[in-house]
Amino acid sequence: MATLHLLYGGVGTGKTAFAKKLERELPAARFTHDEWTVRLYGSNPPAENFQEAASRVWELIWERAERVLRIGTDVILDGGFWSRASRDDARRRAAALGVPCRFYVLDCPPDVARRRALHRTAEMPPGALHISNATIDVLNRRVEPLGPDEEHITVDSGGNAE
């Protein structure tokens, strides 16, 4: 039976590196929100349009992810799931499809995550979004902690290079 794998963690915590590793090990179809955003809107979309663009990207990803799950293939959604509402929505979607949902929490020291994110922006590999130091602060304030009722697997990503 297919499983929906969701990655939770702030900017630079190693979500994409872990998603790629998991993709190879399972195997699974991986959908990385940042890669889709860059492909559709560029590596530095205007801040005033970013929320709308992000929502459109999620709509496209969910449409395709649900199709893949229906045919029996695992799916990895690499997008942070920073809000309780987004996590609840993912669990609801998995239940509607009759597939299990597995959350992975990427545990990484904040200073390591910041260094990774800034290094990635300096290097700008394919699929990377431009993220400044100030943007990291803004985005990290949006991360809502998991509730005590939210089952998850903790992944130590402090040593992974991203």
Protein backbone atom coordinates (compact mmCIF):
# COMPACT_ATOMS: atom_id res chain seq x y z
CA MET A 1 0.00 0.00 0.00
CA ALA A 2 1.24 3.48 -0.85
CA THR A 3 2.25 5.83 1.97
CA LEU A 4 2.27 9.63 2.07
CA HIS A 5 5.55 10.89 3.57
CA LEU A 6 5.62 14.49 4.82
CA LEU A 7 8.66 16.48 5.90
CA TYR A 8 8.50 19.06 8.67
CA GLY A 9 11.31 21.48 9.41
CA GLY A 10 12.35 25.08 9.05
CA VAL A 11 14.53 26.64 6.37
CA GLY A 12 17.85 24.81 5.93
CA THR A 13 17.06 21.85 8.20
CA GLY A 14 17.84 19.31 5.48
CA LYS A 15 14.36 18.48 4.21
CA THR A 16 15.30 18.23 0.55
CA ALA A 17 18.46 16.21 1.22
CA PHE A 18 16.42 13.79 3.33
CA ALA A 19 13.62 13.70 0.74
CA LYS A 20 16.09 12.73 -1.99
CA LYS A 21 17.58 10.00 0.23
CA LEU A 22 14.12 8.66 1.09
CA GLU A 23 13.12 8.81 -2.58
CA ARG A 24 15.99 6.48 -3.48
CA GLU A 25 15.50 4.12 -0.55
CA LEU A 26 11.75 3.52 -0.85
CA PRO A 27 11.43 4.20 -3.93
CA ALA A 28 8.89 7.02 -4.08
CA ALA A 29 7.81 10.01 -6.12
CA ARG A 30 9.23 13.19 -4.58
CA PHE A 31 7.56 16.58 -4.88
CA THR A 32 9.70 19.47 -3.61
CA HIS A 33 7.75 22.72 -3.32
CA ASP A 34 10.79 24.98 -3.83
CA GLU A 35 11.76 23.22 -7.08
CA TRP A 36 8.25 23.65 -8.51
CA THR A 37 8.16 27.30 -7.39
CA VAL A 38 11.48 28.04 -9.08
CA ARG A 39 10.38 26.29 -12.26
CA LEU A 40 7.13 28.26 -12.45
CA TYR A 41 8.05 31.63 -10.91
CA GLY A 42 11.84 31.90 -10.84
CA SER A 43 14.34 31.72 -8.00
CA ASN A 44 13.34 35.03 -6.45
CA PRO A 45 9.59 35.62 -6.91
CA PRO A 46 8.32 39.01 -5.68
CA ALA A 47 7.40 38.91 -1.99
CA GLU A 48 4.02 40.51 -2.64
CA ASN A 49 3.02 37.61 -4.93
CA PHE A 50 4.74 34.80 -3.09
CA GLN A 51 1.81 33.55 -1.01
CA GLU A 52 -0.44 33.29 -4.06
CA ALA A 53 2.28 31.54 -6.04
CA ALA A 54 2.96 29.13 -3.17
CA SER A 55 -0.74 28.24 -2.96
CA ARG A 56 -0.92 27.55 -6.69
CA VAL A 57 2.15 25.34 -6.51
CA TRP A 58 0.62 23.36 -3.64
CA GLU A 59 -2.57 22.85 -5.68
CA LEU A 60 -0.54 21.40 -8.55
CA ILE A 61 1.57 19.22 -6.28
CA TRP A 62 -1.44 17.82 -4.43
CA GLU A 63 -3.22 17.04 -7.69
CA ARG A 64 -0.28 15.00 -8.94
CA ALA A 65 0.58 13.46 -5.57
CA GLU A 66 -2.96 12.15 -5.15
CA ARG A 67 -2.81 10.54 -8.61
CA VAL A 68 0.48 8.83 -7.77
CA LEU A 69 -0.85 7.56 -4.43
CA ARG A 70 -3.96 6.18 -6.13
CA ILE A 71 -1.82 4.00 -8.39
CA GLY A 72 -0.02 2.58 -5.38
CA THR A 73 3.27 4.47 -5.29
CA ASP A 74 4.65 6.20 -2.19
CA VAL A 75 4.81 9.99 -2.31
CA ILE A 76 7.18 12.34 -0.47
CA LEU A 77 6.02 15.92 -0.01
CA ASP A 78 8.98 18.16 0.76
CA GLY A 79 7.49 21.46 1.77
CA GLY A 80 7.85 22.11 5.48
CA PHE A 81 4.26 21.73 6.71
CA TRP A 82 4.85 24.61 9.08
CA SER A 83 1.24 25.16 10.12
CA ARG A 84 -0.98 22.80 12.06
CA ALA A 85 -3.68 23.48 9.45
CA SER A 86 -1.41 22.25 6.61
CA ARG A 87 -0.52 19.11 8.57
CA ASP A 88 -4.17 18.42 9.40
CA ASP A 89 -5.07 18.93 5.73
CA ALA A 90 -2.39 16.43 4.67
CA ARG A 91 -3.67 13.86 7.16
CA ARG A 92 -7.23 14.42 5.95
CA ARG A 93 -6.18 13.97 2.31
CA ALA A 94 -4.30 10.75 3.15
CA ALA A 95 -7.32 9.39 5.02
CA ALA A 96 -9.62 10.24 2.09
CA LEU A 97 -7.31 8.23 -0.19
CA GLY A 98 -7.07 5.39 2.32
CA VAL A 99 -3.29 5.64 2.66
CA PRO A 100 -1.14 5.98 5.76
CA CYS A 101 0.57 9.29 6.43
CA ARG A 102 4.05 9.43 7.96
CA PHE A 103 5.56 12.68 9.29
CA TYR A 104 9.30 13.18 9.58
CA VAL A 105 10.64 15.98 11.76
CA LEU A 106 14.03 17.23 10.60
CA ASP A 107 15.96 18.14 13.74
CA CYS A 108 18.81 20.54 13.09
CA PRO A 109 20.48 23.23 15.23
CA PRO A 110 19.26 26.69 14.12
CA ASP A 111 22.78 28.00 13.43
CA VAL A 112 23.54 25.03 11.15
CA ALA A 113 20.23 25.46 9.32
CA ARG A 114 20.90 29.18 8.78
CA ARG A 115 24.41 28.53 7.44
CA ARG A 116 23.05 25.91 5.04
CA ALA A 117 20.32 28.19 3.74
CA LEU A 118 22.68 31.12 3.20
CA HIS A 119 25.27 28.86 1.54
CA ARG A 120 22.59 27.45 -0.77
CA THR A 121 21.56 30.99 -1.74
CA ALA A 122 25.18 31.93 -2.40
CA GLU A 123 25.65 28.85 -4.60
CA MET A 124 22.12 28.91 -6.16
CA PRO A 125 21.96 25.28 -7.31
CA PRO A 126 19.10 24.35 -9.68
CA GLY A 127 15.73 24.42 -7.92
CA ALA A 128 16.87 26.67 -5.07
CA LEU A 129 14.96 29.73 -3.95
CA HIS A 130 16.84 32.89 -3.06
CA ILE A 131 16.55 33.22 0.71
CA SER A 132 18.19 36.12 2.56
CA ASN A 133 19.12 36.26 6.23
CA ALA A 134 16.06 38.44 6.90
CA THR A 135 13.80 36.04 4.99
CA ILE A 136 15.02 33.14 7.14
CA ASP A 137 13.86 35.06 10.23
CA VAL A 138 10.46 35.81 8.70
CA LEU A 139 9.92 32.23 7.55
CA ASN A 140 11.09 30.63 10.79
CA ARG A 141 8.52 32.67 12.72
CA ARG A 142 5.83 30.88 10.67
CA VAL A 143 6.84 27.42 11.88
CA GLU A 144 4.25 26.12 14.34
CA PRO A 145 5.49 23.38 16.68
CA LEU A 146 3.96 19.93 16.43
CA GLY A 147 1.23 19.20 18.91
CA PRO A 148 1.64 16.39 21.43
CA ASP A 149 -0.95 14.41 19.44
CA GLU A 150 1.01 14.58 16.18
CA GLU A 151 2.85 11.30 15.63
CA HIS A 152 6.20 11.68 13.92
CA ILE A 153 9.62 10.24 13.29
CA THR A 154 12.51 12.48 14.32
CA VAL A 155 15.44 12.60 11.91
CA ASP A 156 18.72 14.06 13.13
CA SER A 157 19.71 16.21 10.16
CA GLY A 158 22.36 18.29 11.90
CA GLY A 159 25.17 16.43 10.13
CA ASN A 160 23.63 16.22 6.66
CA ALA A 161 24.97 18.60 4.04
CA GLU A 162 22.31 20.30 2.00
